[in-house]
Amino acid sequence: MNVQLLCTACGHPLTEPLRRLPELPERPEYDGLPGPDGARHAPPTVPRGTYAVDPEPSGAPFVPHPDPQWAGAAIPGLCMSNPDGDGCLMSAGPRDTLVTHPADTAGRLSRDPESSEVGCCGAPGQEGPNQVCGSCGAVVATLFSDCYVPYEIHFLPDAVRVSPV
């Protein structure tokens, strides 16, 4: 069944029609080279026209991992060094975010004017939600699109509702 993600604040459609995947696919490897479109971002985590629920924490805030030897994915593909000590930081952000292909939101979201983060090739998503509804301006998602993070959008579960098309 096809659905759309709608802004809970105003009901504006935030995505094209999507089909739910049974689970979040494994994030693809990225070689750092430009893709066919010339962009420097990893391959998308989910195919166009699909979404998946990510049960793991996503994005900010970040907290120290209890094991200083841990070098897991604070943001998948990235171990953020802990500025206050040894080891890495891990995500303590929202769980059960809805992950989509960024192209499935074309023209429906805008960059949050309150977000000041800048990456070298795109949005790193380290400071938390950075996308707002293109209609009402409500904060709805985090775009991860820099060259060292997966290429995906994580919609906040409380900011969107799933509606049949």
N, C-alpha and C. Protein backbone atom coordinates (compact mmCIF):
# COMPACT_ATOMS: atom_id res chain seq x y z
N MET A 1 0.84 -1.17 0.00
CA MET A 1 0.00 0.00 0.00
C MET A 1 0.89 1.24 0.00
N ASN A 2 0.57 2.20 -0.86
CA ASN A 2 1.31 3.45 -0.91
C ASN A 2 0.76 4.44 0.10
N VAL A 3 1.70 5.18 0.71
CA VAL A 3 1.35 6.19 1.70
C VAL A 3 2.15 7.46 1.40
N GLN A 4 1.78 8.54 2.06
CA GLN A 4 2.57 9.76 2.04
C GLN A 4 2.80 10.15 3.48
N LEU A 5 3.93 10.83 3.72
CA LEU A 5 4.18 11.40 5.03
C LEU A 5 3.66 12.83 5.00
N LEU A 6 2.81 13.16 5.97
CA LEU A 6 2.20 14.48 6.06
C LEU A 6 2.69 15.20 7.30
N CYS A 7 2.82 16.51 7.22
CA CYS A 7 3.19 17.33 8.36
C CYS A 7 2.05 17.29 9.38
N THR A 8 2.35 16.97 10.63
CA THR A 8 1.29 16.93 11.64
C THR A 8 0.79 18.34 11.97
N ALA A 9 1.60 19.36 11.75
CA ALA A 9 1.19 20.72 12.07
C ALA A 9 0.17 21.29 11.09
N CYS A 10 0.34 20.97 9.79
CA CYS A 10 -0.54 21.59 8.79
C CYS A 10 -1.16 20.61 7.79
N GLY A 11 -0.71 19.35 7.77
CA GLY A 11 -1.26 18.36 6.84
C GLY A 11 -0.64 18.38 5.46
N HIS A 12 0.37 19.23 5.23
CA HIS A 12 1.03 19.33 3.93
C HIS A 12 1.78 18.03 3.62
N PRO A 13 1.66 17.49 2.38
CA PRO A 13 2.44 16.30 2.00
C PRO A 13 3.93 16.63 1.97
N LEU A 14 4.73 15.79 2.64
CA LEU A 14 6.18 16.00 2.72
C LEU A 14 6.96 15.07 1.81
N THR A 15 6.29 14.06 1.26
CA THR A 15 6.96 13.09 0.39
C THR A 15 6.07 12.76 -0.80
N GLU A 16 6.68 12.15 -1.78
CA GLU A 16 5.94 11.50 -2.85
C GLU A 16 5.33 10.23 -2.26
N PRO A 17 4.45 9.54 -2.98
CA PRO A 17 3.94 8.27 -2.46
C PRO A 17 5.08 7.28 -2.19
N LEU A 18 4.99 6.59 -1.05
CA LEU A 18 6.02 5.66 -0.60
C LEU A 18 5.43 4.32 -0.24
N ARG A 19 6.28 3.31 -0.32
CA ARG A 19 5.93 1.95 0.13
C ARG A 19 6.88 1.60 1.27
N ARG A 20 6.33 1.04 2.34
CA ARG A 20 7.15 0.72 3.51
C ARG A 20 7.97 -0.55 3.27
N LEU A 21 9.24 -0.48 3.63
CA LEU A 21 10.12 -1.65 3.61
C LEU A 21 9.98 -2.38 4.95
N PRO A 22 10.17 -3.68 4.97
CA PRO A 22 10.03 -4.42 6.23
C PRO A 22 11.06 -4.05 7.28
N GLU A 23 12.24 -3.61 6.83
CA GLU A 23 13.28 -3.18 7.77
C GLU A 23 14.22 -2.23 7.05
N LEU A 24 15.01 -1.49 7.84
CA LEU A 24 15.97 -0.57 7.26
C LEU A 24 17.10 -1.38 6.61
N PRO A 25 17.37 -1.15 5.32
CA PRO A 25 18.46 -1.89 4.67
C PRO A 25 19.80 -1.54 5.29
N GLU A 26 20.76 -2.42 5.08
CA GLU A 26 22.13 -2.13 5.50
C GLU A 26 22.62 -0.92 4.71
N ARG A 27 23.30 -0.04 5.39
CA ARG A 27 23.79 1.16 4.71
C ARG A 27 24.90 0.78 3.74
N PRO A 28 24.81 1.28 2.49
CA PRO A 28 25.80 0.89 1.48
C PRO A 28 27.17 1.49 1.76
N GLU A 29 28.20 0.78 1.31
CA GLU A 29 29.57 1.28 1.39
C GLU A 29 29.71 2.49 0.47
N TYR A 30 30.61 3.40 0.84
CA TYR A 30 30.85 4.57 0.02
C TYR A 30 32.35 4.71 -0.20
N ASP A 31 32.74 4.87 -1.45
CA ASP A 31 34.16 4.95 -1.79
C ASP A 31 34.70 6.37 -1.83
N GLY A 32 33.84 7.36 -1.59
CA GLY A 32 34.29 8.75 -1.57
C GLY A 32 34.34 9.42 -2.93
N LEU A 33 34.06 8.67 -3.98
CA LEU A 33 34.10 9.24 -5.33
C LEU A 33 32.76 9.86 -5.70
N PRO A 34 32.76 10.84 -6.60
CA PRO A 34 31.49 11.42 -7.04
C PRO A 34 30.62 10.35 -7.71
N GLY A 35 29.32 10.47 -7.53
CA GLY A 35 28.38 9.55 -8.16
C GLY A 35 28.09 9.94 -9.60
N PRO A 36 27.20 9.20 -10.27
CA PRO A 36 26.87 9.49 -11.67
C PRO A 36 26.36 10.91 -11.89
N ASP A 37 25.73 11.49 -10.85
CA ASP A 37 25.21 12.86 -10.98
C ASP A 37 26.26 13.91 -10.62
N GLY A 38 27.48 13.47 -10.28
CA GLY A 38 28.56 14.39 -9.91
C GLY A 38 28.57 14.76 -8.44
N ALA A 39 27.53 14.37 -7.71
CA ALA A 39 27.45 14.72 -6.29
C ALA A 39 28.36 13.82 -5.47
N ARG A 40 28.87 14.38 -4.38
CA ARG A 40 29.72 13.62 -3.47
C ARG A 40 28.91 13.25 -2.24
N HIS A 41 28.12 12.23 -2.34
CA HIS A 41 27.43 11.68 -1.19
C HIS A 41 27.35 10.17 -1.35
N ALA A 42 27.15 9.51 -0.25
CA ALA A 42 27.05 8.05 -0.29
C ALA A 42 25.83 7.63 -1.10
N PRO A 43 25.78 6.38 -1.51
CA PRO A 43 24.56 5.89 -2.14
C PRO A 43 23.41 5.99 -1.14
N PRO A 44 22.18 6.19 -1.61
CA PRO A 44 21.05 6.29 -0.69
C PRO A 44 20.84 4.98 0.07
N THR A 45 20.38 5.13 1.30
CA THR A 45 20.12 3.94 2.13
C THR A 45 18.88 3.19 1.66
N VAL A 46 17.83 3.94 1.30
CA VAL A 46 16.60 3.30 0.82
C VAL A 46 16.36 3.73 -0.63
N PRO A 47 15.78 2.85 -1.43
CA PRO A 47 15.48 3.21 -2.83
C PRO A 47 14.40 4.28 -2.90
N ARG A 48 14.37 5.01 -4.01
CA ARG A 48 13.29 5.97 -4.24
C ARG A 48 11.95 5.25 -4.13
N GLY A 49 10.97 5.95 -3.58
CA GLY A 49 9.62 5.41 -3.49
C GLY A 49 9.40 4.49 -2.30
N THR A 50 10.38 4.43 -1.38
CA THR A 50 10.25 3.57 -0.21
C THR A 50 10.63 4.34 1.05
N TYR A 51 10.24 3.78 2.20
CA TYR A 51 10.70 4.29 3.49
C TYR A 51 10.83 3.11 4.44
N ALA A 52 11.58 3.33 5.51
CA ALA A 52 11.77 2.31 6.53
C ALA A 52 11.83 2.99 7.89
N VAL A 53 11.50 2.24 8.92
CA VAL A 53 11.58 2.75 10.29
C VAL A 53 12.95 2.36 10.85
N ASP A 54 13.66 3.34 11.40
CA ASP A 54 14.96 3.09 12.01
C ASP A 54 14.77 2.99 13.52
N PRO A 55 14.89 1.79 14.10
CA PRO A 55 14.67 1.64 15.54
C PRO A 55 15.79 2.21 16.40
N GLU A 56 16.94 2.49 15.79
CA GLU A 56 18.10 3.00 16.54
C GLU A 56 18.02 4.51 16.71
N PRO A 57 18.72 5.06 17.71
CA PRO A 57 18.76 6.51 17.86
C PRO A 57 19.37 7.15 16.61
N SER A 58 18.88 8.35 16.29
CA SER A 58 19.35 9.03 15.09
C SER A 58 19.67 10.49 15.39
N GLY A 59 20.90 10.89 15.10
CA GLY A 59 21.28 12.29 15.20
C GLY A 59 21.47 12.80 16.60
N ALA A 60 21.42 14.13 16.74
CA ALA A 60 21.66 14.81 18.02
C ALA A 60 20.52 14.53 19.00
N PRO A 61 20.83 14.55 20.28
CA PRO A 61 22.12 14.87 20.89
C PRO A 61 23.05 13.65 20.86
N PHE A 62 24.34 13.93 21.06
CA PHE A 62 25.35 12.89 21.12
C PHE A 62 25.92 12.82 22.52
N VAL A 63 26.14 11.61 23.00
CA VAL A 63 26.64 11.38 24.35
C VAL A 63 27.86 10.47 24.28
N PRO A 64 28.74 10.53 25.29
CA PRO A 64 29.91 9.64 25.28
C PRO A 64 29.48 8.17 25.33
N HIS A 65 30.13 7.37 24.52
CA HIS A 65 29.89 5.93 24.58
C HIS A 65 30.58 5.39 25.82
N PRO A 66 29.95 4.47 26.56
CA PRO A 66 30.57 3.98 27.80
C PRO A 66 31.88 3.22 27.60
N ASP A 67 32.10 2.67 26.40
CA ASP A 67 33.32 1.94 26.11
C ASP A 67 34.26 2.83 25.31
N PRO A 68 35.38 3.29 25.91
CA PRO A 68 36.28 4.20 25.18
C PRO A 68 36.88 3.59 23.91
N GLN A 69 36.87 2.26 23.77
CA GLN A 69 37.41 1.61 22.58
C GLN A 69 36.38 1.51 21.45
N TRP A 70 35.14 1.86 21.75
CA TRP A 70 34.07 1.75 20.76
C TRP A 70 34.31 2.70 19.60
N ALA A 71 34.22 2.20 18.42
CA ALA A 71 34.34 3.06 17.24
C ALA A 71 33.19 2.77 16.30
N GLY A 72 32.01 2.62 16.88
CA GLY A 72 30.82 2.32 16.09
C GLY A 72 30.32 3.55 15.37
N ALA A 73 29.09 3.50 14.97
CA ALA A 73 28.54 4.56 14.14
C ALA A 73 27.72 5.52 14.96
N ALA A 74 28.35 6.57 15.44
CA ALA A 74 27.62 7.63 16.13
C ALA A 74 26.60 8.22 15.16
N ILE A 75 27.06 8.58 14.02
CA ILE A 75 26.23 8.74 12.83
C ILE A 75 26.80 7.64 11.94
N PRO A 76 25.96 6.78 11.35
CA PRO A 76 26.54 5.68 10.59
C PRO A 76 27.64 6.17 9.65
N GLY A 77 28.78 5.50 9.72
CA GLY A 77 29.91 5.86 8.89
C GLY A 77 30.81 6.90 9.52
N LEU A 78 30.51 7.31 10.75
CA LEU A 78 31.28 8.37 11.38
C LEU A 78 31.43 8.08 12.86
N CYS A 79 32.63 8.16 13.35
CA CYS A 79 32.88 8.11 14.79
C CYS A 79 33.26 9.52 15.20
N MET A 80 32.40 10.16 15.95
CA MET A 80 32.69 11.52 16.39
C MET A 80 33.57 11.44 17.63
N SER A 81 34.71 12.07 17.57
CA SER A 81 35.61 12.08 18.72
C SER A 81 34.96 12.83 19.87
N ASN A 82 35.18 12.32 21.06
CA ASN A 82 34.66 12.97 22.25
C ASN A 82 35.58 14.12 22.62
N PRO A 83 35.13 15.36 22.54
CA PRO A 83 36.01 16.49 22.85
C PRO A 83 36.38 16.57 24.33
N ASP A 84 35.64 15.86 25.19
CA ASP A 84 35.88 15.92 26.64
C ASP A 84 36.61 14.71 27.18
N GLY A 85 37.10 13.84 26.31
CA GLY A 85 37.78 12.65 26.81
C GLY A 85 38.09 11.67 25.70
N ASP A 86 38.43 10.45 26.10
CA ASP A 86 38.75 9.40 25.13
C ASP A 86 37.48 8.82 24.53
N GLY A 87 37.66 8.17 23.42
CA GLY A 87 36.57 7.43 22.80
C GLY A 87 35.73 8.28 21.87
N CYS A 88 34.54 7.77 21.62
CA CYS A 88 33.64 8.38 20.64
C CYS A 88 32.32 8.75 21.28
N LEU A 89 31.59 9.58 20.55
CA LEU A 89 30.24 9.93 20.94
C LEU A 89 29.27 9.06 20.16
N MET A 90 28.13 8.78 20.77
CA MET A 90 27.09 8.00 20.09
C MET A 90 25.79 8.79 20.12
N SER A 91 24.94 8.49 19.18
CA SER A 91 23.66 9.19 19.09
C SER A 91 22.76 8.82 20.26
N ALA A 92 22.10 9.85 20.80
CA ALA A 92 21.04 9.65 21.78
C ALA A 92 19.79 10.36 21.27
N GLY A 93 19.71 10.51 19.94
CA GLY A 93 18.59 11.18 19.30
C GLY A 93 17.35 10.31 19.26
N PRO A 94 16.33 10.77 18.55
CA PRO A 94 15.06 10.06 18.52
C PRO A 94 15.17 8.68 17.86
N ARG A 95 14.40 7.76 18.39
CA ARG A 95 14.27 6.42 17.80
C ARG A 95 13.03 6.38 16.91
N ASP A 96 12.96 5.36 16.09
CA ASP A 96 11.81 5.12 15.21
C ASP A 96 11.57 6.25 14.22
N THR A 97 12.66 6.87 13.75
CA THR A 97 12.54 7.86 12.70
C THR A 97 12.17 7.15 11.39
N LEU A 98 11.52 7.87 10.50
CA LEU A 98 11.13 7.31 9.21
C LEU A 98 12.16 7.76 8.18
N VAL A 99 12.87 6.80 7.61
CA VAL A 99 13.99 7.07 6.70
C VAL A 99 13.51 7.01 5.26
N THR A 100 13.78 8.10 4.51
CA THR A 100 13.39 8.15 3.10
C THR A 100 14.60 8.53 2.25
N HIS A 101 14.44 8.35 0.96
CA HIS A 101 15.41 8.83 -0.03
C HIS A 101 15.21 10.34 -0.14
N PRO A 102 16.28 11.14 -0.09
CA PRO A 102 16.11 12.59 -0.16
C PRO A 102 15.34 13.08 -1.40
N ALA A 103 15.47 12.39 -2.53
CA ALA A 103 14.77 12.84 -3.74
C ALA A 103 13.26 12.71 -3.61
N ASP A 104 12.78 11.88 -2.69
CA ASP A 104 11.34 11.71 -2.51
C ASP A 104 10.69 12.89 -1.78
N THR A 105 11.50 13.86 -1.38
CA THR A 105 10.98 15.04 -0.70
C THR A 105 11.17 16.31 -1.53
N ALA A 106 11.59 16.18 -2.76
CA ALA A 106 11.94 17.34 -3.60
C ALA A 106 10.83 18.38 -3.63
N GLY A 107 11.20 19.62 -3.28
CA GLY A 107 10.26 20.73 -3.31
C GLY A 107 9.28 20.78 -2.17
N ARG A 108 9.38 19.86 -1.21
CA ARG A 108 8.40 19.79 -0.12
C ARG A 108 8.98 20.21 1.23
N LEU A 109 10.32 20.23 1.31
CA LEU A 109 11.00 20.62 2.54
C LEU A 109 11.91 21.81 2.26
N SER A 110 12.26 22.53 3.32
CA SER A 110 13.22 23.62 3.22
C SER A 110 14.24 23.46 4.33
N ARG A 111 15.42 24.04 4.11
CA ARG A 111 16.45 24.03 5.16
C ARG A 111 15.95 24.88 6.32
N ASP A 112 16.12 24.38 7.52
CA ASP A 112 15.72 25.12 8.71
C ASP A 112 16.59 26.36 8.83
N PRO A 113 16.00 27.57 8.84
CA PRO A 113 16.82 28.77 8.93
C PRO A 113 17.55 28.88 10.27
N GLU A 114 17.13 28.13 11.28
CA GLU A 114 17.79 28.14 12.58
C GLU A 114 19.02 27.23 12.60
N SER A 115 19.15 26.36 11.61
CA SER A 115 20.28 25.42 11.55
C SER A 115 21.51 26.14 10.99
N SER A 116 22.61 26.04 11.72
CA SER A 116 23.82 26.71 11.29
C SER A 116 24.92 25.75 10.83
N GLU A 117 24.61 24.45 10.84
CA GLU A 117 25.65 23.49 10.48
C GLU A 117 25.95 23.53 8.99
N VAL A 118 27.22 23.31 8.68
CA VAL A 118 27.67 23.31 7.30
C VAL A 118 28.66 22.16 7.14
N GLY A 119 28.47 21.37 6.11
CA GLY A 119 29.42 20.32 5.78
C GLY A 119 30.17 20.71 4.52
N CYS A 120 31.14 19.91 4.16
CA CYS A 120 31.91 20.24 2.95
C CYS A 120 31.14 19.92 1.68
N CYS A 121 30.28 18.90 1.72
CA CYS A 121 29.57 18.49 0.50
C CYS A 121 28.06 18.43 0.68
N GLY A 122 27.57 18.69 1.88
CA GLY A 122 26.14 18.62 2.15
C GLY A 122 25.88 18.80 3.63
N ALA A 123 24.72 18.38 4.07
CA ALA A 123 24.32 18.52 5.47
C ALA A 123 24.80 17.31 6.27
N PRO A 124 25.64 17.53 7.32
CA PRO A 124 26.09 16.39 8.11
C PRO A 124 25.05 15.87 9.10
N GLY A 125 24.08 16.68 9.49
CA GLY A 125 23.04 16.23 10.41
C GLY A 125 23.48 16.09 11.85
N GLN A 126 24.61 16.67 12.22
CA GLN A 126 25.15 16.50 13.57
C GLN A 126 24.47 17.36 14.61
N GLU A 127 23.82 18.44 14.19
CA GLU A 127 23.23 19.36 15.16
C GLU A 127 21.75 19.13 15.39
N GLY A 128 21.20 18.09 14.80
CA GLY A 128 19.79 17.79 14.98
C GLY A 128 18.97 18.16 13.76
N PRO A 129 17.66 18.18 13.92
CA PRO A 129 16.79 18.42 12.76
C PRO A 129 17.19 19.69 12.01
N ASN A 130 17.23 19.56 10.67
CA ASN A 130 17.65 20.67 9.83
C ASN A 130 16.72 20.92 8.66
N GLN A 131 15.55 20.26 8.66
CA GLN A 131 14.58 20.42 7.58
C GLN A 131 13.22 20.81 8.16
N VAL A 132 12.54 21.73 7.47
CA VAL A 132 11.23 22.18 7.91
C VAL A 132 10.21 21.94 6.80
N CYS A 133 8.94 21.88 7.20
CA CYS A 133 7.84 21.74 6.25
C CYS A 133 7.87 22.94 5.31
N GLY A 134 7.76 22.68 4.02
CA GLY A 134 7.78 23.74 3.03
C GLY A 134 6.53 24.61 3.05
N SER A 135 5.50 24.19 3.77
CA SER A 135 4.27 24.96 3.84
C SER A 135 4.19 25.82 5.10
N CYS A 136 4.37 25.20 6.29
CA CYS A 136 4.17 25.94 7.54
C CYS A 136 5.45 26.24 8.31
N GLY A 137 6.57 25.62 7.93
CA GLY A 137 7.84 25.89 8.60
C GLY A 137 8.09 25.07 9.85
N ALA A 138 7.23 24.09 10.14
CA ALA A 138 7.45 23.23 11.31
C ALA A 138 8.67 22.35 11.09
N VAL A 139 9.47 22.15 12.13
CA VAL A 139 10.65 21.29 12.05
C VAL A 139 10.16 19.85 11.93
N VAL A 140 10.62 19.14 10.88
CA VAL A 140 10.10 17.80 10.62
C VAL A 140 11.15 16.71 10.43
N ALA A 141 12.40 17.05 10.09
CA ALA A 141 13.33 15.99 9.70
C ALA A 141 14.78 16.44 9.79
N THR A 142 15.66 15.44 9.67
CA THR A 142 17.10 15.68 9.56
C THR A 142 17.58 15.09 8.25
N LEU A 143 18.21 15.93 7.44
CA LEU A 143 18.84 15.49 6.20
C LEU A 143 20.29 15.17 6.50
N PHE A 144 20.71 13.97 6.10
CA PHE A 144 22.11 13.56 6.16
C PHE A 144 22.57 13.46 4.71
N SER A 145 23.46 14.37 4.28
CA SER A 145 23.86 14.35 2.87
C SER A 145 25.32 14.73 2.65
N ASP A 146 26.10 14.87 3.72
CA ASP A 146 27.50 15.20 3.53
C ASP A 146 28.24 13.96 3.01
N CYS A 147 29.47 14.14 2.58
CA CYS A 147 30.21 13.07 1.92
C CYS A 147 30.61 11.92 2.85
N TYR A 148 30.53 12.09 4.15
CA TYR A 148 30.98 11.03 5.06
C TYR A 148 29.84 10.39 5.87
N VAL A 149 28.60 10.71 5.52
CA VAL A 149 27.45 10.13 6.22
C VAL A 149 26.53 9.47 5.19
N PRO A 150 25.65 8.59 5.62
CA PRO A 150 24.69 7.99 4.68
C PRO A 150 23.81 9.07 4.05
N TYR A 151 23.32 8.81 2.88
CA TYR A 151 22.46 9.75 2.16
C TYR A 151 21.01 9.38 2.44
N GLU A 152 20.40 10.12 3.38
CA GLU A 152 19.05 9.77 3.81
C GLU A 152 18.42 10.93 4.58
N ILE A 153 17.10 10.90 4.67
CA ILE A 153 16.36 11.85 5.51
C ILE A 153 15.67 11.05 6.59
N HIS A 154 15.78 11.55 7.84
CA HIS A 154 15.11 10.93 8.98
C HIS A 154 13.99 11.86 9.45
N PHE A 155 12.74 11.45 9.23
CA PHE A 155 11.60 12.22 9.71
C PHE A 155 11.35 11.92 11.18
N LEU A 156 11.11 12.98 11.95
CA LEU A 156 10.80 12.81 13.37
C LEU A 156 9.43 12.17 13.50
N PRO A 157 9.32 11.10 14.30
CA PRO A 157 8.05 10.37 14.36
C PRO A 157 6.86 11.23 14.82
N ASP A 158 7.09 12.20 15.68
CA ASP A 158 5.99 13.04 16.16
C ASP A 158 5.66 14.19 15.22
N ALA A 159 6.51 14.45 14.24
CA ALA A 159 6.32 15.58 13.33
C ALA A 159 5.56 15.20 12.05
N VAL A 160 5.41 13.90 11.82
CA VAL A 160 4.73 13.44 10.60
C VAL A 160 3.68 12.39 10.93
N ARG A 161 2.75 12.27 10.02
CA ARG A 161 1.81 11.15 10.12
C ARG A 161 1.78 10.44 8.77
N VAL A 162 1.58 9.15 8.84
CA VAL A 162 1.54 8.32 7.63
C VAL A 162 0.08 8.25 7.18
N SER A 163 -0.15 8.60 5.91
CA SER A 163 -1.51 8.64 5.38
C SER A 163 -1.59 7.84 4.08
N PRO A 164 -2.60 6.97 3.96
CA PRO A 164 -2.77 6.24 2.69
C PRO A 164 -2.98 7.20 1.52
N VAL A 165 -2.47 6.82 0.35
CA VAL A 165 -2.64 7.64 -0.85
C VAL A 165 -3.83 7.10 -1.62
